[in-house]
C-alpha atoms as a PDB file:
ATOM      1  CA  UNK A   1      51.925  -1.220  24.312  1.00  0.00           C
ATOM      2  CA  UNK A   2      49.645  -0.305  20.857  1.00  0.00           C
ATOM      3  CA  UNK A   3      46.224   0.621  21.032  1.00  0.00           C
ATOM      4  CA  UNK A   4      44.091  -1.252  18.696  1.00  0.00           C
ATOM      5  CA  UNK A   5      40.697  -0.005  18.199  1.00  0.00           C
ATOM      6  CA  UNK A   6      37.870  -2.471  18.617  1.00  0.00           C
ATOM      7  CA  UNK A   7      35.303  -2.750  16.159  1.00  0.00           C
ATOM      8  CA  UNK A   8      31.779  -2.732  17.401  1.00  0.00           C
ATOM      9  CA  UNK A   9      29.327  -3.916  15.054  1.00  0.00           C
ATOM     10  CA  UNK A  10      26.009  -2.220  14.743  1.00  0.00           C
ATOM     11  CA  UNK A  11      22.605  -3.548  14.653  1.00  0.00           C
ATOM     12  CA  UNK A  12      21.636  -6.367  12.637  1.00  0.00           C
ATOM     13  CA  UNK A  13      19.761  -6.079   9.420  1.00  0.00           C
ATOM     14  CA  UNK A  14      16.745  -7.961   7.925  1.00  0.00           C
ATOM     15  CA  UNK A  15      19.069 -11.059   6.735  1.00  0.00           C
ATOM     16  CA  UNK A  16      21.104 -10.888  10.020  1.00  0.00           C
ATOM     17  CA  UNK A  17      23.878  -8.802   8.484  1.00  0.00           C
ATOM     18  CA  UNK A  18      25.421  -6.268  10.671  1.00  0.00           C
ATOM     19  CA  UNK A  19      24.738  -2.375   9.736  1.00  0.00           C
ATOM     20  CA  UNK A  20      27.056   0.358  10.318  1.00  0.00           C
ATOM     21  CA  UNK A  21      27.021   1.432  14.166  1.00  0.00           C
ATOM     22  CA  UNK A  22      25.219   4.624  13.259  1.00  0.00           C
ATOM     23  CA  UNK A  23      22.059   3.041  11.717  1.00  0.00           C
ATOM     24  CA  UNK A  24      18.753   2.773  13.193  1.00  0.00           C
ATOM     25  CA  UNK A  25      16.807  -0.057  11.620  1.00  0.00           C
ATOM     26  CA  UNK A  26      13.007   0.160  11.453  1.00  0.00           C
ATOM     27  CA  UNK A  27      11.110  -2.769  10.441  1.00  0.00           C
ATOM     28  CA  UNK A  28       7.511  -0.971  10.824  1.00  0.00           C
ATOM     29  CA  UNK A  29       5.733   0.550   8.109  1.00  0.00           C
ATOM     30  CA  UNK A  30       6.042   4.537   9.291  1.00  0.00           C
ATOM     31  CA  UNK A  31       8.717   6.331  11.085  1.00  0.00           C
ATOM     32  CA  UNK A  32       9.268   9.925  12.062  1.00  0.00           C
ATOM     33  CA  UNK A  33      12.490  11.172  12.256  1.00  0.00           C
ATOM     34  CA  UNK A  34      13.475  12.971  15.487  1.00  0.00           C
ATOM     35  CA  UNK A  35      16.826  14.931  16.519  1.00  0.00           C
ATOM     36  CA  UNK A  36      18.682  11.788  17.627  1.00  0.00           C
ATOM     37  CA  UNK A  37      18.622  10.513  14.021  1.00  0.00           C
ATOM     38  CA  UNK A  38      21.172  13.357  13.010  1.00  0.00           C
ATOM     39  CA  UNK A  39      23.934  11.871  11.396  1.00  0.00           C
ATOM     40  CA  UNK A  40      22.499   8.609  11.373  1.00  0.00           C
ATOM     41  CA  UNK A  41      21.291   5.939   8.468  1.00  0.00           C
ATOM     42  CA  UNK A  42      17.631   5.337   8.842  1.00  0.00           C
ATOM     43  CA  UNK A  43      17.232   1.853   7.215  1.00  0.00           C
ATOM     44  CA  UNK A  44      14.073   0.399   6.201  1.00  0.00           C
ATOM     45  CA  UNK A  45      13.585  -3.466   6.419  1.00  0.00           C
ATOM     46  CA  UNK A  46       9.869  -3.218   5.637  1.00  0.00           C
ATOM     47  CA  UNK A  47       8.334  -5.612   3.150  1.00  0.00           C
ATOM     48  CA  UNK A  48       5.433  -3.069   2.806  1.00  0.00           C
ATOM     49  CA  UNK A  49       5.587   0.733   1.570  1.00  0.00           C
ATOM     50  CA  UNK A  50       7.552   2.600   4.311  1.00  0.00           C
ATOM     51  CA  UNK A  51       6.865   6.213   5.195  1.00  0.00           C
ATOM     52  CA  UNK A  52       9.870   8.341   6.334  1.00  0.00           C
ATOM     53  CA  UNK A  53       8.021  11.596   8.028  1.00  0.00           C
ATOM     54  CA  UNK A  54      10.462  14.683   8.425  1.00  0.00           C
ATOM     55  CA  UNK A  55       8.648  16.788  11.217  1.00  0.00           C
ATOM     56  CA  UNK A  56       8.800  20.542  12.002  1.00  0.00           C
ATOM     57  CA  UNK A  57      11.426  21.856  14.331  1.00  0.00           C
ATOM     58  CA  UNK A  58      14.134  19.507  14.014  1.00  0.00           C
ATOM     59  CA  UNK A  59      17.702  21.170  14.727  1.00  0.00           C
ATOM     60  CA  UNK A  60      19.423  23.488  12.420  1.00  0.00           C
ATOM     61  CA  UNK A  61      21.849  21.349  10.748  1.00  0.00           C
ATOM     62  CA  UNK A  62      19.982  18.199  10.716  1.00  0.00           C
ATOM     63  CA  UNK A  63      21.123  15.398   8.290  1.00  0.00           C
ATOM     64  CA  UNK A  64      20.434  11.918   8.084  1.00  0.00           C
ATOM     65  CA  UNK A  65      21.040   9.162   5.394  1.00  0.00           C
ATOM     66  CA  UNK A  66      18.311   6.640   4.502  1.00  0.00           C
ATOM     67  CA  UNK A  67      18.304   3.231   2.857  1.00  0.00           C
ATOM     68  CA  UNK A  68      15.449   0.549   1.614  1.00  0.00           C
ATOM     69  CA  UNK A  69      16.717  -2.834   2.525  1.00  0.00           C
ATOM     70  CA  UNK A  70      13.459  -4.569   2.609  1.00  0.00           C
ATOM     71  CA  UNK A  71      10.792  -5.019  -0.232  1.00  0.00           C
ATOM     72  CA  UNK A  72       8.756  -2.279   0.482  1.00  0.00           C
ATOM     73  CA  UNK A  73       9.225   1.056  -1.338  1.00  0.00           C
ATOM     74  CA  UNK A  74      10.719   3.956   1.251  1.00  0.00           C
ATOM     75  CA  UNK A  75       8.507   7.161   0.593  1.00  0.00           C
ATOM     76  CA  UNK A  76       9.409  10.586   2.362  1.00  0.00           C
ATOM     77  CA  UNK A  77       6.679  12.935   3.964  1.00  0.00           C
ATOM     78  CA  UNK A  78       6.971  16.346   4.965  1.00  0.00           C
ATOM     79  CA  UNK A  79       5.209  17.113   8.508  1.00  0.00           C
ATOM     80  CA  UNK A  80       2.946  19.854   8.579  1.00  0.00           C
ATOM     81  CA  UNK A  81       4.793  23.244   8.153  1.00  0.00           C
ATOM     82  CA  UNK A  82       8.009  21.320   6.437  1.00  0.00           C
ATOM     83  CA  UNK A  83       9.194  21.905   2.732  1.00  0.00           C
ATOM     84  CA  UNK A  84      10.921  19.010   1.014  1.00  0.00           C
ATOM     85  CA  UNK A  85      12.998  19.732  -2.021  1.00  0.00           C
ATOM     86  CA  UNK A  86      13.946  17.008  -4.535  1.00  0.00           C
ATOM     87  CA  UNK A  87      15.407  18.006  -7.712  1.00  0.00           C
ATOM     88  CA  UNK A  88      13.550  15.526  -9.907  1.00  0.00           C
ATOM     89  CA  UNK A  89      10.360  15.468  -8.025  1.00  0.00           C
ATOM     90  CA  UNK A  90      10.601  11.838  -6.800  1.00  0.00           C
ATOM     91  CA  UNK A  91       8.656  11.130  -3.721  1.00  0.00           C
ATOM     92  CA  UNK A  92      10.569   7.746  -2.696  1.00  0.00           C
ATOM     93  CA  UNK A  93      13.263   5.307  -3.094  1.00  0.00           C
ATOM     94  CA  UNK A  94      13.723   3.577  -6.867  1.00  0.00           C
ATOM     95  CA  UNK A  95      13.496   0.133  -5.233  1.00  0.00           C
ATOM     96  CA  UNK A  96      15.288  -2.509  -2.779  1.00  0.00           C
ATOM     97  CA  UNK A  97      18.720  -1.424  -2.004  1.00  0.00           C
ATOM     98  CA  UNK A  98      18.445   2.224  -2.826  1.00  0.00           C
ATOM     99  CA  UNK A  99      19.691   4.894  -0.653  1.00  0.00           C
ATOM    100  CA  UNK A 100      20.068   8.649  -0.199  1.00  0.00           C
ATOM    101  CA  UNK A 101      20.265  11.535   2.233  1.00  0.00           C
ATOM    102  CA  UNK A 102      18.308  14.343   3.776  1.00  0.00           C
ATOM    103  CA  UNK A 103      20.029  17.584   4.458  1.00  0.00           C
ATOM    104  CA  UNK A 104      18.547  20.694   6.461  1.00  0.00           C
ATOM    105  CA  UNK A 105      19.063  24.001   4.361  1.00  0.00           C
ATOM    106  CA  UNK A 106      16.910  26.172   6.364  1.00  0.00           C
ATOM    107  CA  UNK A 107      14.178  26.580   9.110  1.00  0.00           C
ATOM    108  CA  UNK A 108      12.020  23.540   8.485  1.00  0.00           C
ATOM    109  CA  UNK A 109      13.095  23.275   4.791  1.00  0.00           C
ATOM    110  CA  UNK A 110      14.932  20.082   3.580  1.00  0.00           C
ATOM    111  CA  UNK A 111      16.656  18.981   0.257  1.00  0.00           C
ATOM    112  CA  UNK A 112      16.817  15.189  -0.054  1.00  0.00           C
ATOM    113  CA  UNK A 113      18.187  12.970  -2.807  1.00  0.00           C
ATOM    114  CA  UNK A 114      19.777   9.651  -3.913  1.00  0.00           C
ATOM    115  CA  UNK A 115      18.664   6.754  -5.725  1.00  0.00           C
ATOM    116  CA  UNK A 116      15.078   7.917  -6.141  1.00  0.00           C
ATOM    117  CA  UNK A 117      11.900   7.279  -8.240  1.00  0.00           C
END
């Protein structure tokens, strides 16, 4: 008998498409990351500007992806006591379908990048 892995689709996106199983779709205009988001992709389906906040005291090694599926620009914000480093000093996504990563590099310090503006 051969064991065949069963594909379990992830949540549905804005257009009814299946997203990867590790996705966290968000349709609100603001979301604060938490420890359970590590290793996931936070997907913004908002038609208005969406703010993703990285709070203080996420676990060491925290990392997550982000994706702007809706028309609203995704903006990254540092919570109080958090440092966000971005090579080009950009503050958010470049437009619809942009994506990128957030990586914990030190206590309450994160590097982030991707398709940004």
